[in-house]
């Protein structure tokens, strides 16, 4: 799994005007799906996205 954090997103009005944040997790998906497996707003203006790809399964790190 590889995690990439994106900060300094658009202003979040319900979170004291702090910038939105997103963490994208890239994972091996042996079922052959390529795309978003899950999207969740973990807390106000903080998001996690899981992206799966069968191609990542061929890399030793995954």
PDB file of N, CA and C in Angstrom:
ATOM      1  N   UNK A   1       0.843  -1.169   0.000  1.00  0.00           N
ATOM      2  CA  UNK A   1       0.000   0.000   0.000  1.00  0.00           C
ATOM      3  C   UNK A   1       0.895   1.241   0.000  1.00  0.00           C
ATOM      4  N   UNK A   2       0.469   2.220  -0.753  1.00  0.00           N
ATOM      5  CA  UNK A   2       1.145   3.506  -0.816  1.00  0.00           C
ATOM      6  C   UNK A   2       0.134   4.574  -0.433  1.00  0.00           C
ATOM      7  N   UNK A   3       0.490   5.429   0.513  1.00  0.00           N
ATOM      8  CA  UNK A   3      -0.398   6.510   0.936  1.00  0.00           C
ATOM      9  C   UNK A   3       0.183   7.842   0.481  1.00  0.00           C
ATOM     10  N   UNK A   4      -0.661   8.658  -0.135  1.00  0.00           N
ATOM     11  CA  UNK A   4      -0.259   9.994  -0.575  1.00  0.00           C
ATOM     12  C   UNK A   4      -1.213  10.989   0.069  1.00  0.00           C
ATOM     13  N   UNK A   5      -0.647  11.949   0.770  1.00  0.00           N
ATOM     14  CA  UNK A   5      -1.460  12.935   1.487  1.00  0.00           C
ATOM     15  C   UNK A   5      -1.492  14.247   0.709  1.00  0.00           C
ATOM     16  N   UNK A   6      -2.690  14.764   0.516  1.00  0.00           N
ATOM     17  CA  UNK A   6      -2.887  16.045  -0.156  1.00  0.00           C
ATOM     18  C   UNK A   6      -3.415  17.038   0.870  1.00  0.00           C
ATOM     19  N   UNK A   7      -2.716  18.144   1.020  1.00  0.00           N
ATOM     20  CA  UNK A   7      -3.111  19.175   1.984  1.00  0.00           C
ATOM     21  C   UNK A   7      -3.370  20.480   1.242  1.00  0.00           C
ATOM     22  N   UNK A   8      -3.776  21.465   1.978  1.00  0.00           N
ATOM     23  CA  UNK A   8      -4.025  22.801   1.420  1.00  0.00           C
ATOM     24  C   UNK A   8      -5.131  22.785   0.372  1.00  0.00           C
ATOM     25  N   UNK A   9      -6.180  21.992   0.624  1.00  0.00           N
ATOM     26  CA  UNK A   9      -7.336  21.970  -0.271  1.00  0.00           C
ATOM     27  C   UNK A   9      -8.187  23.214  -0.077  1.00  0.00           C
ATOM     28  N   UNK A  10      -9.367  23.194  -0.649  1.00  0.00           N
ATOM     29  CA  UNK A  10     -10.265  24.341  -0.523  1.00  0.00           C
ATOM     30  C   UNK A  10     -10.651  24.552   0.935  1.00  0.00           C
ATOM     31  N   UNK A  11     -11.031  25.760   1.252  1.00  0.00           N
ATOM     32  CA  UNK A  11     -11.395  26.129   2.614  1.00  0.00           C
ATOM     33  C   UNK A  11     -12.625  25.362   3.073  1.00  0.00           C
ATOM     34  N   UNK A  12     -12.557  24.882   4.298  1.00  0.00           N
ATOM     35  CA  UNK A  12     -13.670  24.146   4.897  1.00  0.00           C
ATOM     36  C   UNK A  12     -14.383  25.069   5.882  1.00  0.00           C
ATOM     37  N   UNK A  13     -15.547  25.531   5.507  1.00  0.00           N
ATOM     38  CA  UNK A  13     -16.270  26.504   6.322  1.00  0.00           C
ATOM     39  C   UNK A  13     -16.718  25.939   7.662  1.00  0.00           C
ATOM     40  N   UNK A  14     -17.005  24.643   7.724  1.00  0.00           N
ATOM     41  CA  UNK A  14     -17.480  24.074   8.987  1.00  0.00           C
ATOM     42  C   UNK A  14     -16.347  23.631   9.904  1.00  0.00           C
ATOM     43  N   UNK A  15     -15.121  23.851   9.476  1.00  0.00           N
ATOM     44  CA  UNK A  15     -13.951  23.457  10.260  1.00  0.00           C
ATOM     45  C   UNK A  15     -13.022  24.653  10.457  1.00  0.00           C
ATOM     46  N   UNK A  16     -13.593  25.761  10.919  1.00  0.00           N
ATOM     47  CA  UNK A  16     -12.821  26.980  11.216  1.00  0.00           C
ATOM     48  C   UNK A  16     -12.026  27.482  10.022  1.00  0.00           C
ATOM     49  N   UNK A  17     -12.560  27.274   8.823  1.00  0.00           N
ATOM     50  CA  UNK A  17     -11.920  27.721   7.585  1.00  0.00           C
ATOM     51  C   UNK A  17     -10.544  27.108   7.348  1.00  0.00           C
ATOM     52  N   UNK A  18     -10.311  25.948   7.925  1.00  0.00           N
ATOM     53  CA  UNK A  18      -9.074  25.212   7.677  1.00  0.00           C
ATOM     54  C   UNK A  18      -9.155  24.566   6.290  1.00  0.00           C
ATOM     55  N   UNK A  19      -8.014  24.321   5.651  1.00  0.00           N
ATOM     56  CA  UNK A  19      -8.050  23.675   4.327  1.00  0.00           C
ATOM     57  C   UNK A  19      -8.445  22.201   4.433  1.00  0.00           C
ATOM     58  N   UNK A  20      -9.126  21.707   3.426  1.00  0.00           N
ATOM     59  CA  UNK A  20      -9.492  20.295   3.363  1.00  0.00           C
ATOM     60  C   UNK A  20      -8.237  19.451   3.146  1.00  0.00           C
ATOM     61  N   UNK A  21      -8.285  18.221   3.626  1.00  0.00           N
ATOM     62  CA  UNK A  21      -7.179  17.281   3.441  1.00  0.00           C
ATOM     63  C   UNK A  21      -7.720  15.953   2.938  1.00  0.00           C
ATOM     64  N   UNK A  22      -6.911  15.302   2.111  1.00  0.00           N
ATOM     65  CA  UNK A  22      -7.280  13.990   1.583  1.00  0.00           C
ATOM     66  C   UNK A  22      -6.063  13.081   1.601  1.00  0.00           C
ATOM     67  N   UNK A  23      -6.272  11.844   2.007  1.00  0.00           N
ATOM     68  CA  UNK A  23      -5.238  10.821   1.899  1.00  0.00           C
ATOM     69  C   UNK A  23      -5.743   9.790   0.895  1.00  0.00           C
ATOM     70  N   UNK A  24      -4.924   9.523  -0.114  1.00  0.00           N
ATOM     71  CA  UNK A  24      -5.268   8.529  -1.128  1.00  0.00           C
ATOM     72  C   UNK A  24      -4.374   7.313  -0.900  1.00  0.00           C
ATOM     73  N   UNK A  25      -5.013   6.167  -0.725  1.00  0.00           N
ATOM     74  CA  UNK A  25      -4.304   4.903  -0.548  1.00  0.00           C
ATOM     75  C   UNK A  25      -4.366   4.127  -1.860  1.00  0.00           C
ATOM     76  N   UNK A  26      -3.204   3.757  -2.376  1.00  0.00           N
ATOM     77  CA  UNK A  26      -3.125   2.952  -3.590  1.00  0.00           C
ATOM     78  C   UNK A  26      -2.828   1.515  -3.172  1.00  0.00           C
ATOM     79  N   UNK A  27      -3.685   0.588  -3.594  1.00  0.00           N
ATOM     80  CA  UNK A  27      -3.554  -0.803  -3.168  1.00  0.00           C
ATOM     81  C   UNK A  27      -3.625  -1.745  -4.364  1.00  0.00           C
ATOM     82  N   UNK A  28      -3.045  -2.913  -4.182  1.00  0.00           N
ATOM     83  CA  UNK A  28      -3.175  -4.001  -5.155  1.00  0.00           C
ATOM     84  C   UNK A  28      -4.593  -4.541  -5.064  1.00  0.00           C
ATOM     85  N   UNK A  29      -5.254  -4.700  -6.203  1.00  0.00           N
ATOM     86  CA  UNK A  29      -6.593  -5.292  -6.237  1.00  0.00           C
ATOM     87  C   UNK A  29      -6.564  -6.471  -7.196  1.00  0.00           C
ATOM     88  N   UNK A  30      -6.369  -7.645  -6.661  1.00  0.00           N
ATOM     89  CA  UNK A  30      -6.224  -8.848  -7.484  1.00  0.00           C
ATOM     90  C   UNK A  30      -7.495  -9.227  -8.229  1.00  0.00           C
ATOM     91  N   UNK A  31      -8.631  -8.662  -7.853  1.00  0.00           N
ATOM     92  CA  UNK A  31      -9.890  -8.961  -8.545  1.00  0.00           C
ATOM     93  C   UNK A  31      -9.925  -8.349  -9.938  1.00  0.00           C
ATOM     94  N   UNK A  32      -8.994  -7.451 -10.205  1.00  0.00           N
ATOM     95  CA  UNK A  32      -8.919  -6.866 -11.532  1.00  0.00           C
ATOM     96  C   UNK A  32      -9.604  -5.529 -11.676  1.00  0.00           C
ATOM     97  N   UNK A  33     -10.093  -4.982 -10.583  1.00  0.00           N
ATOM     98  CA  UNK A  33     -10.722  -3.662 -10.649  1.00  0.00           C
ATOM     99  C   UNK A  33      -9.644  -2.591 -10.699  1.00  0.00           C
ATOM    100  N   UNK A  34      -9.848  -1.612 -11.513  1.00  0.00           N
ATOM    101  CA  UNK A  34      -8.957  -0.451 -11.560  1.00  0.00           C
ATOM    102  C   UNK A  34      -9.817   0.772 -11.302  1.00  0.00           C
ATOM    103  N   UNK A  35      -9.667   1.361 -10.145  1.00  0.00           N
ATOM    104  CA  UNK A  35     -10.457   2.547  -9.847  1.00  0.00           C
ATOM    105  C   UNK A  35     -10.670   2.717  -8.356  1.00  0.00           C
ATOM    106  N   UNK A  36     -11.589   3.601  -8.013  1.00  0.00           N
ATOM    107  CA  UNK A  36     -11.874   3.916  -6.619  1.00  0.00           C
ATOM    108  C   UNK A  36     -12.652   2.769  -5.989  1.00  0.00           C
ATOM    109  N   UNK A  37     -12.106   2.250  -4.896  1.00  0.00           N
ATOM    110  CA  UNK A  37     -12.761   1.171  -4.169  1.00  0.00           C
ATOM    111  C   UNK A  37     -13.585   1.710  -3.006  1.00  0.00           C
ATOM    112  N   UNK A  38     -13.145   2.829  -2.438  1.00  0.00           N
ATOM    113  CA  UNK A  38     -13.863   3.408  -1.305  1.00  0.00           C
ATOM    114  C   UNK A  38     -13.538   4.891  -1.185  1.00  0.00           C
ATOM    115  N   UNK A  39     -14.531   5.649  -0.762  1.00  0.00           N
ATOM    116  CA  UNK A  39     -14.364   7.075  -0.487  1.00  0.00           C
ATOM    117  C   UNK A  39     -15.084   7.353   0.818  1.00  0.00           C
ATOM    118  N   UNK A  40     -14.398   8.019   1.753  1.00  0.00           N
ATOM    119  CA  UNK A  40     -15.015   8.269   3.050  1.00  0.00           C
ATOM    120  C   UNK A  40     -14.582   9.623   3.595  1.00  0.00           C
ATOM    121  N   UNK A  41     -15.532  10.341   4.162  1.00  0.00           N
ATOM    122  CA  UNK A  41     -15.203  11.555   4.911  1.00  0.00           C
ATOM    123  C   UNK A  41     -15.039  11.110   6.357  1.00  0.00           C
ATOM    124  N   UNK A  42     -13.795  10.951   6.778  1.00  0.00           N
ATOM    125  CA  UNK A  42     -13.473  10.398   8.085  1.00  0.00           C
ATOM    126  C   UNK A  42     -13.889  11.349   9.197  1.00  0.00           C
ATOM    127  N   UNK A  43     -13.639  12.610   8.992  1.00  0.00           N
ATOM    128  CA  UNK A  43     -14.105  13.668   9.881  1.00  0.00           C
ATOM    129  C   UNK A  43     -14.371  14.878   8.998  1.00  0.00           C
ATOM    130  N   UNK A  44     -14.902  15.922   9.580  1.00  0.00           N
ATOM    131  CA  UNK A  44     -15.257  17.092   8.777  1.00  0.00           C
ATOM    132  C   UNK A  44     -14.074  17.563   7.948  1.00  0.00           C
ATOM    133  N   UNK A  45     -14.244  17.507   6.645  1.00  0.00           N
ATOM    134  CA  UNK A  45     -13.275  18.022   5.676  1.00  0.00           C
ATOM    135  C   UNK A  45     -11.959  17.243   5.619  1.00  0.00           C
ATOM    136  N   UNK A  46     -11.975  16.013   6.115  1.00  0.00           N
ATOM    137  CA  UNK A  46     -10.824  15.119   6.014  1.00  0.00           C
ATOM    138  C   UNK A  46     -11.304  13.843   5.333  1.00  0.00           C
ATOM    139  N   UNK A  47     -10.720  13.534   4.189  1.00  0.00           N
ATOM    140  CA  UNK A  47     -11.213  12.449   3.346  1.00  0.00           C
ATOM    141  C   UNK A  47     -10.152  11.375   3.158  1.00  0.00           C
ATOM    142  N   UNK A  48     -10.614  10.145   2.981  1.00  0.00           N
ATOM    143  CA  UNK A  48      -9.740   9.040   2.619  1.00  0.00           C
ATOM    144  C   UNK A  48     -10.328   8.344   1.399  1.00  0.00           C
ATOM    145  N   UNK A  49      -9.468   8.086   0.431  1.00  0.00           N
ATOM    146  CA  UNK A  49      -9.869   7.415  -0.801  1.00  0.00           C
ATOM    147  C   UNK A  49      -8.967   6.197  -0.977  1.00  0.00           C
ATOM    148  N   UNK A  50      -9.567   5.069  -1.309  1.00  0.00           N
ATOM    149  CA  UNK A  50      -8.790   3.868  -1.616  1.00  0.00           C
ATOM    150  C   UNK A  50      -8.926   3.598  -3.108  1.00  0.00           C
ATOM    151  N   UNK A  51      -7.784   3.562  -3.788  1.00  0.00           N
ATOM    152  CA  UNK A  51      -7.738   3.297  -5.225  1.00  0.00           C
ATOM    153  C   UNK A  51      -7.055   1.951  -5.425  1.00  0.00           C
ATOM    154  N   UNK A  52      -7.736   1.055  -6.097  1.00  0.00           N
ATOM    155  CA  UNK A  52      -7.176  -0.264  -6.357  1.00  0.00           C
ATOM    156  C   UNK A  52      -6.785  -0.426  -7.812  1.00  0.00           C
ATOM    157  N   UNK A  53      -5.735  -1.204  -8.037  1.00  0.00           N
ATOM    158  CA  UNK A  53      -5.295  -1.489  -9.401  1.00  0.00           C
ATOM    159  C   UNK A  53      -4.658  -2.870  -9.454  1.00  0.00           C
ATOM    160  N   UNK A  54      -5.028  -3.641 -10.448  1.00  0.00           N
ATOM    161  CA  UNK A  54      -4.418  -4.965 -10.620  1.00  0.00           C
ATOM    162  C   UNK A  54      -2.958  -4.838 -11.027  1.00  0.00           C
ATOM    163  N   UNK A  55      -2.599  -3.733 -11.641  1.00  0.00           N
ATOM    164  CA  UNK A  55      -1.228  -3.531 -12.119  1.00  0.00           C
ATOM    165  C   UNK A  55      -0.257  -3.353 -10.958  1.00  0.00           C
ATOM    166  N   UNK A  56      -0.743  -2.815  -9.858  1.00  0.00           N
ATOM    167  CA  UNK A  56       0.134  -2.647  -8.698  1.00  0.00           C
ATOM    168  C   UNK A  56       0.557  -3.987  -8.108  1.00  0.00           C
ATOM    169  N   UNK A  57      -0.245  -5.010  -8.305  1.00  0.00           N
ATOM    170  CA  UNK A  57       0.063  -6.338  -7.756  1.00  0.00           C
ATOM    171  C   UNK A  57       1.361  -6.907  -8.326  1.00  0.00           C
ATOM    172  N   UNK A  58       1.776  -6.427  -9.469  1.00  0.00           N
ATOM    173  CA  UNK A  58       2.994  -6.921 -10.114  1.00  0.00           C
ATOM    174  C   UNK A  58       4.257  -6.293  -9.529  1.00  0.00           C
ATOM    175  N   UNK A  59       4.094  -5.254  -8.731  1.00  0.00           N
ATOM    176  CA  UNK A  59       5.240  -4.568  -8.141  1.00  0.00           C
ATOM    177  C   UNK A  59       5.576  -5.179  -6.786  1.00  0.00           C
ATOM    178  N   UNK A  60       6.849  -5.409  -6.506  1.00  0.00           N
ATOM    179  CA  UNK A  60       7.236  -6.032  -5.235  1.00  0.00           C
ATOM    180  C   UNK A  60       6.771  -5.251  -3.996  1.00  0.00           C
ATOM    181  N   UNK A  61       6.689  -3.958  -4.094  1.00  0.00           N
ATOM    182  CA  UNK A  61       6.302  -3.139  -2.940  1.00  0.00           C
ATOM    183  C   UNK A  61       4.845  -3.328  -2.545  1.00  0.00           C
ATOM    184  N   UNK A  62       4.043  -3.910  -3.430  1.00  0.00           N
ATOM    185  CA  UNK A  62       2.627  -4.074  -3.152  1.00  0.00           C
ATOM    186  C   UNK A  62       2.299  -5.520  -2.877  1.00  0.00           C
TER     187      UNK A  62
END
